[in-house]
Amino acid sequence: MDEKRKIPFLLWPLWALFQLVLWILKLTGRLVGAILGLVIVLVGVVLSITLIGAVIGIPLVLLGLMLMIKAVLG
């Protein structure tokens, strides 16, 4: 049952981000993934303090949160 699913075009960025999170967790492990997620969240918050940095900071916060949630919940 190795069937490829079609990902809708509008949902593709979210799917790609989730696949990136899974790849990072496979590479690093759960504890290191959770710590890495926390660091990414903190960097995103610091960047979000400035208006120009918010463009990069907010996606970093979301990536870090996804990484931590996936590391904790499996």
PDB file of N, CA and C in Angstrom:
ATOM      1  N   MET A   1       0.820  -1.183   0.000  1.00  0.00           N
ATOM      2  CA  MET A   1       0.000   0.000   0.000  1.00  0.00           C
ATOM      3  C   MET A   1       0.869   1.253   0.000  1.00  0.00           C
ATOM      4  N   ASP A   2       1.836   1.278  -0.862  1.00  0.00           N
ATOM      5  CA  ASP A   2       2.703   2.439  -0.976  1.00  0.00           C
ATOM      6  C   ASP A   2       2.118   3.378  -2.028  1.00  0.00           C
ATOM      7  N   GLU A   3       1.177   4.152  -1.605  1.00  0.00           N
ATOM      8  CA  GLU A   3       0.412   4.994  -2.517  1.00  0.00           C
ATOM      9  C   GLU A   3       0.767   6.459  -2.290  1.00  0.00           C
ATOM     10  N   LYS A   4       1.071   7.181  -3.359  1.00  0.00           N
ATOM     11  CA  LYS A   4       1.387   8.598  -3.238  1.00  0.00           C
ATOM     12  C   LYS A   4       0.104   9.405  -3.231  1.00  0.00           C
ATOM     13  N   ARG A   5       0.025  10.331  -2.300  1.00  0.00           N
ATOM     14  CA  ARG A   5      -1.151  11.186  -2.214  1.00  0.00           C
ATOM     15  C   ARG A   5      -0.874  12.495  -2.920  1.00  0.00           C
ATOM     16  N   LYS A   6      -1.894  13.034  -3.535  1.00  0.00           N
ATOM     17  CA  LYS A   6      -1.780  14.344  -4.159  1.00  0.00           C
ATOM     18  C   LYS A   6      -2.010  15.411  -3.095  1.00  0.00           C
ATOM     19  N   ILE A   7      -1.082  16.331  -2.996  1.00  0.00           N
ATOM     20  CA  ILE A   7      -1.203  17.433  -2.053  1.00  0.00           C
ATOM     21  C   ILE A   7      -1.784  18.628  -2.807  1.00  0.00           C
ATOM     22  N   PRO A   8      -2.880  19.220  -2.306  1.00  0.00           N
ATOM     23  CA  PRO A   8      -3.423  20.418  -2.974  1.00  0.00           C
ATOM     24  C   PRO A   8      -2.384  21.532  -3.011  1.00  0.00           C
ATOM     25  N   PHE A   9      -2.417  22.305  -4.066  1.00  0.00           N
ATOM     26  CA  PHE A   9      -1.408  23.336  -4.299  1.00  0.00           C
ATOM     27  C   PHE A   9      -1.343  24.338  -3.155  1.00  0.00           C
ATOM     28  N   LEU A  10      -2.485  24.726  -2.606  1.00  0.00           N
ATOM     29  CA  LEU A  10      -2.493  25.723  -1.545  1.00  0.00           C
ATOM     30  C   LEU A  10      -1.973  25.167  -0.210  1.00  0.00           C
ATOM     31  N   LEU A  11      -2.054  23.863  -0.024  1.00  0.00           N
ATOM     32  CA  LEU A  11      -1.580  23.253   1.217  1.00  0.00           C
ATOM     33  C   LEU A  11      -0.144  22.759   1.118  1.00  0.00           C
ATOM     34  N   TRP A  12       0.452  22.851  -0.056  1.00  0.00           N
ATOM     35  CA  TRP A  12       1.797  22.337  -0.246  1.00  0.00           C
ATOM     36  C   TRP A  12       2.829  22.988   0.677  1.00  0.00           C
ATOM     37  N   PRO A  13       2.828  24.321   0.897  1.00  0.00           N
ATOM     38  CA  PRO A  13       3.836  24.892   1.817  1.00  0.00           C
ATOM     39  C   PRO A  13       3.739  24.342   3.237  1.00  0.00           C
ATOM     40  N   LEU A  14       2.539  24.125   3.739  1.00  0.00           N
ATOM     41  CA  LEU A  14       2.379  23.552   5.072  1.00  0.00           C
ATOM     42  C   LEU A  14       2.870  22.113   5.113  1.00  0.00           C
ATOM     43  N   TRP A  15       2.579  21.361   4.071  1.00  0.00           N
ATOM     44  CA  TRP A  15       3.045  19.977   3.987  1.00  0.00           C
ATOM     45  C   TRP A  15       4.573  19.933   3.937  1.00  0.00           C
ATOM     46  N   ALA A  16       5.162  20.830   3.158  1.00  0.00           N
ATOM     47  CA  ALA A  16       6.618  20.862   3.042  1.00  0.00           C
ATOM     48  C   ALA A  16       7.261  21.241   4.373  1.00  0.00           C
ATOM     49  N   LEU A  17       6.662  22.184   5.094  1.00  0.00           N
ATOM     50  CA  LEU A  17       7.185  22.580   6.394  1.00  0.00           C
ATOM     51  C   LEU A  17       7.091  21.430   7.390  1.00  0.00           C
ATOM     52  N   PHE A  18       5.992  20.698   7.368  1.00  0.00           N
ATOM     53  CA  PHE A  18       5.826  19.555   8.255  1.00  0.00           C
ATOM     54  C   PHE A  18       6.838  18.457   7.919  1.00  0.00           C
ATOM     55  N   GLN A  19       7.107  18.243   6.650  1.00  0.00           N
ATOM     56  CA  GLN A  19       8.111  17.252   6.243  1.00  0.00           C
ATOM     57  C   GLN A  19       9.503  17.675   6.705  1.00  0.00           C
ATOM     58  N   LEU A  20       9.784  18.995   6.685  1.00  0.00           N
ATOM     59  CA  LEU A  20      11.060  19.498   7.177  1.00  0.00           C
ATOM     60  C   LEU A  20      11.203  19.225   8.671  1.00  0.00           C
ATOM     61  N   VAL A  21      10.134  19.459   9.422  1.00  0.00           N
ATOM     62  CA  VAL A  21      10.155  19.194  10.860  1.00  0.00           C
ATOM     63  C   VAL A  21      10.399  17.711  11.122  1.00  0.00           C
ATOM     64  N   LEU A  22       9.727  16.845  10.384  1.00  0.00           N
ATOM     65  CA  LEU A  22       9.932  15.402  10.556  1.00  0.00           C
ATOM     66  C   LEU A  22      11.368  15.003  10.237  1.00  0.00           C
ATOM     67  N   TRP A  23      11.939  15.581   9.204  1.00  0.00           N
ATOM     68  CA  TRP A  23      13.311  15.268   8.822  1.00  0.00           C
ATOM     69  C   TRP A  23      14.288  15.706   9.915  1.00  0.00           C
ATOM     70  N   ILE A  24      14.075  16.900  10.490  1.00  0.00           N
ATOM     71  CA  ILE A  24      14.946  17.393  11.559  1.00  0.00           C
ATOM     72  C   ILE A  24      14.861  16.472  12.773  1.00  0.00           C
ATOM     73  N   LEU A  25      13.646  16.042  13.118  1.00  0.00           N
ATOM     74  CA  LEU A  25      13.491  15.160  14.274  1.00  0.00           C
ATOM     75  C   LEU A  25      14.125  13.790  14.036  1.00  0.00           C
ATOM     76  N   LYS A  26      14.021  13.278  12.838  1.00  0.00           N
ATOM     77  CA  LYS A  26      14.672  12.007  12.535  1.00  0.00           C
ATOM     78  C   LYS A  26      16.188  12.148  12.644  1.00  0.00           C
ATOM     79  N   LEU A  27      16.698  13.300  12.244  1.00  0.00           N
ATOM     80  CA  LEU A  27      18.132  13.525  12.252  1.00  0.00           C
ATOM     81  C   LEU A  27      18.660  13.745  13.669  1.00  0.00           C
ATOM     82  N   THR A  28      17.932  14.460  14.498  1.00  0.00           N
ATOM     83  CA  THR A  28      18.474  14.872  15.797  1.00  0.00           C
ATOM     84  C   THR A  28      17.959  14.071  16.978  1.00  0.00           C
ATOM     85  N   GLY A  29      16.776  13.554  16.910  1.00  0.00           N
ATOM     86  CA  GLY A  29      16.191  12.885  18.063  1.00  0.00           C
ATOM     87  C   GLY A  29      15.229  13.815  18.787  1.00  0.00           C
ATOM     88  N   ARG A  30      14.482  13.257  19.713  1.00  0.00           N
ATOM     89  CA  ARG A  30      13.410  14.022  20.356  1.00  0.00           C
ATOM     90  C   ARG A  30      13.909  15.121  21.282  1.00  0.00           C
ATOM     91  N   LEU A  31      14.819  14.809  22.178  1.00  0.00           N
ATOM     92  CA  LEU A  31      15.270  15.805  23.155  1.00  0.00           C
ATOM     93  C   LEU A  31      15.994  16.951  22.470  1.00  0.00           C
ATOM     94  N   VAL A  32      16.900  16.608  21.588  1.00  0.00           N
ATOM     95  CA  VAL A  32      17.630  17.656  20.858  1.00  0.00           C
ATOM     96  C   VAL A  32      16.673  18.434  19.966  1.00  0.00           C
ATOM     97  N   GLY A  33      15.673  17.754  19.394  1.00  0.00           N
ATOM     98  CA  GLY A  33      14.678  18.443  18.574  1.00  0.00           C
ATOM     99  C   GLY A  33      13.861  19.437  19.378  1.00  0.00           C
ATOM    100  N   ALA A  34      13.500  19.070  20.618  1.00  0.00           N
ATOM    101  CA  ALA A  34      12.744  19.989  21.474  1.00  0.00           C
ATOM    102  C   ALA A  34      13.601  21.187  21.868  1.00  0.00           C
ATOM    103  N   ILE A  35      14.863  20.943  22.187  1.00  0.00           N
ATOM    104  CA  ILE A  35      15.765  22.049  22.541  1.00  0.00           C
ATOM    105  C   ILE A  35      16.002  22.942  21.338  1.00  0.00           C
ATOM    106  N   LEU A  36      16.199  22.341  20.177  1.00  0.00           N
ATOM    107  CA  LEU A  36      16.377  23.116  18.944  1.00  0.00           C
ATOM    108  C   LEU A  36      15.128  23.942  18.640  1.00  0.00           C
ATOM    109  N   GLY A  37      13.957  23.364  18.861  1.00  0.00           N
ATOM    110  CA  GLY A  37      12.706  24.099  18.664  1.00  0.00           C
ATOM    111  C   GLY A  37      12.608  25.296  19.586  1.00  0.00           C
ATOM    112  N   LEU A  38      13.004  25.141  20.836  1.00  0.00           N
ATOM    113  CA  LEU A  38      12.979  26.249  21.788  1.00  0.00           C
ATOM    114  C   LEU A  38      13.932  27.354  21.364  1.00  0.00           C
ATOM    115  N   VAL A  39      15.112  26.969  20.898  1.00  0.00           N
ATOM    116  CA  VAL A  39      16.084  27.964  20.430  1.00  0.00           C
ATOM    117  C   VAL A  39      15.542  28.712  19.219  1.00  0.00           C
ATOM    118  N   ILE A  40      14.917  27.995  18.298  1.00  0.00           N
ATOM    119  CA  ILE A  40      14.349  28.644  17.108  1.00  0.00           C
ATOM    120  C   ILE A  40      13.229  29.598  17.495  1.00  0.00           C
ATOM    121  N   VAL A  41      12.407  29.216  18.482  1.00  0.00           N
ATOM    122  CA  VAL A  41      11.344  30.112  18.961  1.00  0.00           C
ATOM    123  C   VAL A  41      11.950  31.378  19.557  1.00  0.00           C
ATOM    124  N   LEU A  42      12.975  31.225  20.381  1.00  0.00           N
ATOM    125  CA  LEU A  42      13.599  32.393  20.997  1.00  0.00           C
ATOM    126  C   LEU A  42      14.229  33.323  19.954  1.00  0.00           C
ATOM    127  N   VAL A  43      14.885  32.752  18.959  1.00  0.00           N
ATOM    128  CA  VAL A  43      15.464  33.576  17.890  1.00  0.00           C
ATOM    129  C   VAL A  43      14.347  34.297  17.127  1.00  0.00           C
ATOM    130  N   GLY A  44      13.250  33.609  16.877  1.00  0.00           N
ATOM    131  CA  GLY A  44      12.129  34.220  16.187  1.00  0.00           C
ATOM    132  C   GLY A  44      11.512  35.355  16.973  1.00  0.00           C
ATOM    133  N   VAL A  45      11.409  35.198  18.288  1.00  0.00           N
ATOM    134  CA  VAL A  45      10.856  36.264  19.135  1.00  0.00           C
ATOM    135  C   VAL A  45      11.779  37.467  19.134  1.00  0.00           C
ATOM    136  N   VAL A  46      13.077  37.223  19.242  1.00  0.00           N
ATOM    137  CA  VAL A  46      14.034  38.338  19.226  1.00  0.00           C
ATOM    138  C   VAL A  46      13.975  39.075  17.890  1.00  0.00           C
ATOM    139  N   LEU A  47      13.872  38.339  16.795  1.00  0.00           N
ATOM    140  CA  LEU A  47      13.774  38.985  15.484  1.00  0.00           C
ATOM    141  C   LEU A  47      12.450  39.726  15.317  1.00  0.00           C
ATOM    142  N   SER A  48      11.409  39.256  15.972  1.00  0.00           N
ATOM    143  CA  SER A  48      10.097  39.885  15.827  1.00  0.00           C
ATOM    144  C   SER A  48       9.994  41.209  16.563  1.00  0.00           C
ATOM    145  N   ILE A  49      10.958  41.517  17.395  1.00  0.00           N
ATOM    146  CA  ILE A  49      10.928  42.790  18.099  1.00  0.00           C
ATOM    147  C   ILE A  49      11.038  43.942  17.113  1.00  0.00           C
ATOM    148  N   THR A  50      11.838  43.782  16.089  1.00  0.00           N
ATOM    149  CA  THR A  50      11.934  44.809  15.063  1.00  0.00           C
ATOM    150  C   THR A  50      10.889  44.538  13.985  1.00  0.00           C
ATOM    151  N   LEU A  51      10.415  45.567  13.359  1.00  0.00           N
ATOM    152  CA  LEU A  51       9.363  45.421  12.346  1.00  0.00           C
ATOM    153  C   LEU A  51       9.869  44.670  11.122  1.00  0.00           C
ATOM    154  N   ILE A  52      11.081  44.967  10.689  1.00  0.00           N
ATOM    155  CA  ILE A  52      11.628  44.304   9.510  1.00  0.00           C
ATOM    156  C   ILE A  52      11.952  42.849   9.822  1.00  0.00           C
ATOM    157  N   GLY A  53      12.424  42.572  11.030  1.00  0.00           N
ATOM    158  CA  GLY A  53      12.749  41.210  11.425  1.00  0.00           C
ATOM    159  C   GLY A  53      11.532  40.333  11.632  1.00  0.00           C
ATOM    160  N   ALA A  54      10.347  40.947  11.769  1.00  0.00           N
ATOM    161  CA  ALA A  54       9.119  40.173  11.984  1.00  0.00           C
ATOM    162  C   ALA A  54       8.789  39.305  10.774  1.00  0.00           C
ATOM    163  N   VAL A  55       9.227  39.735   9.604  1.00  0.00           N
ATOM    164  CA  VAL A  55       8.975  38.951   8.392  1.00  0.00           C
ATOM    165  C   VAL A  55       9.657  37.591   8.487  1.00  0.00           C
ATOM    166  N   ILE A  56      10.806  37.552   9.103  1.00  0.00           N
ATOM    167  CA  ILE A  56      11.530  36.295   9.289  1.00  0.00           C
ATOM    168  C   ILE A  56      11.220  35.677  10.654  1.00  0.00           C
ATOM    169  N   GLY A  57      10.989  36.513  11.653  1.00  0.00           N
ATOM    170  CA  GLY A  57      10.798  36.044  13.021  1.00  0.00           C
ATOM    171  C   GLY A  57       9.532  35.235  13.232  1.00  0.00           C
ATOM    172  N   ILE A  58       8.428  35.670  12.671  1.00  0.00           N
ATOM    173  CA  ILE A  58       7.152  34.972  12.879  1.00  0.00           C
ATOM    174  C   ILE A  58       7.181  33.563  12.278  1.00  0.00           C
ATOM    175  N   PRO A  59       7.659  33.381  11.049  1.00  0.00           N
ATOM    176  CA  PRO A  59       7.777  31.993  10.553  1.00  0.00           C
ATOM    177  C   PRO A  59       8.743  31.138  11.375  1.00  0.00           C
ATOM    178  N   LEU A  60       9.797  31.750  11.921  1.00  0.00           N
ATOM    179  CA  LEU A  60      10.704  30.989  12.772  1.00  0.00           C
ATOM    180  C   LEU A  60      10.015  30.532  14.050  1.00  0.00           C
ATOM    181  N   VAL A  61       9.180  31.395  14.625  1.00  0.00           N
ATOM    182  CA  VAL A  61       8.432  31.015  15.826  1.00  0.00           C
ATOM    183  C   VAL A  61       7.512  29.852  15.505  1.00  0.00           C
ATOM    184  N   LEU A  62       6.826  29.917  14.376  1.00  0.00           N
ATOM    185  CA  LEU A  62       5.921  28.827  13.996  1.00  0.00           C
ATOM    186  C   LEU A  62       6.687  27.526  13.756  1.00  0.00           C
ATOM    187  N   LEU A  63       7.824  27.607  13.096  1.00  0.00           N
ATOM    188  CA  LEU A  63       8.647  26.420  12.856  1.00  0.00           C
ATOM    189  C   LEU A  63       9.128  25.818  14.172  1.00  0.00           C
ATOM    190  N   GLY A  64       9.571  26.668  15.091  1.00  0.00           N
ATOM    191  CA  GLY A  64      10.026  26.184  16.387  1.00  0.00           C
ATOM    192  C   GLY A  64       8.911  25.538  17.191  1.00  0.00           C
ATOM    193  N   LEU A  65       7.719  26.127  17.146  1.00  0.00           N
ATOM    194  CA  LEU A  65       6.577  25.535  17.848  1.00  0.00           C
ATOM    195  C   LEU A  65       6.210  24.179  17.259  1.00  0.00           C
ATOM    196  N   MET A  66       6.200  24.102  15.937  1.00  0.00           N
ATOM    197  CA  MET A  66       5.900  22.814  15.297  1.00  0.00           C
ATOM    198  C   MET A  66       6.936  21.765  15.678  1.00  0.00           C
ATOM    199  N   LEU A  67       8.188  22.166  15.732  1.00  0.00           N
ATOM    200  CA  LEU A  67       9.259  21.242  16.075  1.00  0.00           C
ATOM    201  C   LEU A  67       9.104  20.747  17.512  1.00  0.00           C
ATOM    202  N   MET A  68       8.796  21.671  18.435  1.00  0.00           N
ATOM    203  CA  MET A  68       8.629  21.256  19.829  1.00  0.00           C
ATOM    204  C   MET A  68       7.415  20.360  20.020  1.00  0.00           C
ATOM    205  N   ILE A  69       6.308  20.706  19.374  1.00  0.00           N
ATOM    206  CA  ILE A  69       5.090  19.882  19.508  1.00  0.00           C
ATOM    207  C   ILE A  69       5.330  18.483  18.966  1.00  0.00           C
ATOM    208  N   LYS A  70       5.968  18.393  17.813  1.00  0.00           N
ATOM    209  CA  LYS A  70       6.240  17.093  17.217  1.00  0.00           C
ATOM    210  C   LYS A  70       7.228  16.291  18.064  1.00  0.00           C
ATOM    211  N   ALA A  71       8.191  16.964  18.680  1.00  0.00           N
ATOM    212  CA  ALA A  71       9.169  16.260  19.521  1.00  0.00           C
ATOM    213  C   ALA A  71       8.522  15.730  20.793  1.00  0.00           C
ATOM    214  N   VAL A  72       7.611  16.489  21.363  1.00  0.00           N
ATOM    215  CA  VAL A  72       6.991  16.075  22.626  1.00  0.00           C
ATOM    216  C   VAL A  72       5.916  15.011  22.383  1.00  0.00           C
ATOM    217  N   LEU A  73       5.088  15.210  21.382  1.00  0.00           N
ATOM    218  CA  LEU A  73       3.958  14.306  21.160  1.00  0.00           C
ATOM    219  C   LEU A  73       4.308  13.106  20.290  1.00  0.00           C
ATOM    220  N   GLY A  74       5.414  13.164  19.609  1.00  0.00           N
ATOM    221  CA  GLY A  74       5.842  12.013  18.815  1.00  0.00           C
ATOM    222  C   GLY A  74       5.286  12.065  17.483  1.00  0.00           C
TER     223      GLY A  74
END
